[in-house]
């Protein structure tokens, strides 16, 4: 399993999600704003990565929501251009190779795009 991890940079393909992120972002929006200072766009970018980035515990920002699962946020950039946050729910239906990204605004990203994602 160890070779499925990389240090900070990974590439991946944008895939369609389950369609639930909009609802969950609304539920968590105040807690996310309190932690990282932005109200995220209502949705996530689902990135199927070739290798998982190493998620350093000292970079993780824990977001709690009473009666819902905790999420971890990690600062990142995609294509060395857009500031995003990798959202890792502690409870998820996604397979391990799917990384969800949030941003403050809707990004010009389309299904099938290949992205480079770098942890900050």
Protein backbone atom coordinates (compact mmCIF):
# COMPACT_ATOMS: atom_id res chain seq x y z
CA UNK A 1 0.00 0.00 0.00
CA UNK A 2 2.91 2.35 0.70
CA UNK A 3 3.65 2.86 -3.03
CA UNK A 4 0.16 4.28 -3.47
CA UNK A 5 1.34 7.43 -1.65
CA UNK A 6 3.39 10.36 -2.88
CA UNK A 7 4.83 13.30 -1.00
CA UNK A 8 3.02 16.49 -1.99
CA UNK A 9 2.06 16.44 -5.66
CA UNK A 10 -0.36 14.12 -7.40
CA UNK A 11 -2.28 14.06 -10.66
CA UNK A 12 -5.82 12.95 -11.17
CA UNK A 13 -8.88 12.90 -13.37
CA UNK A 14 -12.04 14.87 -12.55
CA UNK A 15 -14.97 12.48 -12.12
CA UNK A 16 -18.66 12.90 -11.46
CA UNK A 17 -19.58 12.58 -7.80
CA UNK A 18 -22.65 11.32 -6.00
CA UNK A 19 -24.42 14.70 -6.13
CA UNK A 20 -24.52 15.07 -2.34
CA UNK A 21 -21.70 17.58 -1.80
CA UNK A 22 -23.89 20.65 -2.31
CA UNK A 23 -26.06 19.63 0.64
CA UNK A 24 -23.10 18.79 2.90
CA UNK A 25 -21.20 21.98 2.08
CA UNK A 26 -24.28 23.97 3.14
CA UNK A 27 -24.46 21.98 6.39
CA UNK A 28 -20.77 22.56 7.19
CA UNK A 29 -20.40 26.08 5.72
CA UNK A 30 -20.29 28.02 9.00
CA UNK A 31 -17.80 25.64 10.59
CA UNK A 32 -15.61 25.71 7.46
CA UNK A 33 -15.72 29.52 7.42
CA UNK A 34 -14.72 29.62 11.10
CA UNK A 35 -11.72 27.36 10.40
CA UNK A 36 -10.36 28.60 7.04
CA UNK A 37 -12.03 31.97 6.52
CA UNK A 38 -14.01 31.20 3.37
CA UNK A 39 -17.54 30.14 2.54
CA UNK A 40 -16.94 27.40 -0.02
CA UNK A 41 -18.78 27.08 -3.29
CA UNK A 42 -21.65 24.58 -2.89
CA UNK A 43 -20.10 21.50 -4.40
CA UNK A 44 -16.83 19.62 -4.61
CA UNK A 45 -14.47 18.58 -7.36
CA UNK A 46 -13.99 14.82 -7.26
CA UNK A 47 -10.46 13.93 -8.32
CA UNK A 48 -9.49 10.32 -8.91
CA UNK A 49 -5.79 10.40 -8.08
CA UNK A 50 -3.07 8.09 -9.33
CA UNK A 51 -1.31 8.31 -5.98
CA UNK A 52 -2.64 9.69 -2.71
CA UNK A 53 -0.74 12.66 -1.34
CA UNK A 54 0.75 12.16 2.10
CA UNK A 55 -1.66 13.97 4.40
CA UNK A 56 0.54 15.38 7.15
CA UNK A 57 -1.27 15.50 10.51
CA UNK A 58 0.32 18.89 11.31
CA UNK A 59 -1.31 20.44 8.19
CA UNK A 60 -4.79 19.03 8.91
CA UNK A 61 -7.57 21.36 9.99
CA UNK A 62 -10.30 19.49 11.84
CA UNK A 63 -13.88 20.62 11.25
CA UNK A 64 -16.51 19.31 13.65
CA UNK A 65 -20.23 19.38 13.12
CA UNK A 66 -22.50 18.11 15.84
CA UNK A 67 -24.56 15.09 14.69
CA UNK A 68 -22.40 14.78 11.53
CA UNK A 69 -19.00 13.27 10.90
CA UNK A 70 -15.77 15.21 11.25
CA UNK A 71 -13.86 16.35 8.18
CA UNK A 72 -10.22 17.23 7.67
CA UNK A 73 -9.13 20.07 5.40
CA UNK A 74 -5.68 20.45 3.82
CA UNK A 75 -4.56 23.56 1.89
CA UNK A 76 -3.62 22.84 -1.73
CA UNK A 77 -3.35 24.27 -5.24
CA UNK A 78 -4.49 22.77 -8.50
CA UNK A 79 -2.54 23.32 -11.70
CA UNK A 80 -0.36 25.76 -9.72
CA UNK A 81 -3.16 28.27 -10.24
CA UNK A 82 -6.21 27.77 -8.03
CA UNK A 83 -6.28 27.75 -4.24
CA UNK A 84 -8.34 24.81 -3.01
CA UNK A 85 -8.77 22.74 0.10
CA UNK A 86 -8.67 18.97 0.06
CA UNK A 87 -11.68 17.78 2.03
CA UNK A 88 -11.28 14.36 3.65
CA UNK A 89 -14.43 13.24 5.49
CA UNK A 90 -13.62 10.74 8.23
CA UNK A 91 -16.73 8.88 7.06
CA UNK A 92 -17.30 8.61 3.30
CA UNK A 93 -18.74 6.41 0.57
CA UNK A 94 -15.94 7.37 -1.85
CA UNK A 95 -13.12 4.90 -2.54
CA UNK A 96 -9.68 5.85 -1.16
CA UNK A 97 -8.42 7.10 -4.53
CA UNK A 98 -11.06 9.86 -4.73
CA UNK A 99 -9.99 13.20 -3.28
CA UNK A 100 -12.63 15.91 -2.88
CA UNK A 101 -11.65 19.54 -3.42
CA UNK A 102 -13.44 22.68 -2.28
CA UNK A 103 -12.83 26.30 -3.28
CA UNK A 104 -14.33 29.68 -2.56
CA UNK A 105 -15.78 30.01 -6.06
CA UNK A 106 -16.79 27.71 -8.87
CA UNK A 107 -13.62 26.86 -10.78
CA UNK A 108 -13.38 26.43 -14.57
CA UNK A 109 -12.93 22.67 -14.24
CA UNK A 110 -14.80 20.07 -16.29
CA UNK A 111 -15.45 16.36 -16.02
CA UNK A 112 -12.55 14.48 -17.59
CA UNK A 113 -9.98 17.23 -16.96
CA UNK A 114 -6.61 16.05 -15.71
CA UNK A 115 -5.37 18.14 -12.80
CA UNK A 116 -2.15 18.47 -10.86
CA UNK A 117 -2.87 18.84 -7.15
CA UNK A 118 -0.16 20.05 -4.77
CA UNK A 119 -0.45 20.16 -1.00
CA UNK A 120 0.83 23.39 0.50
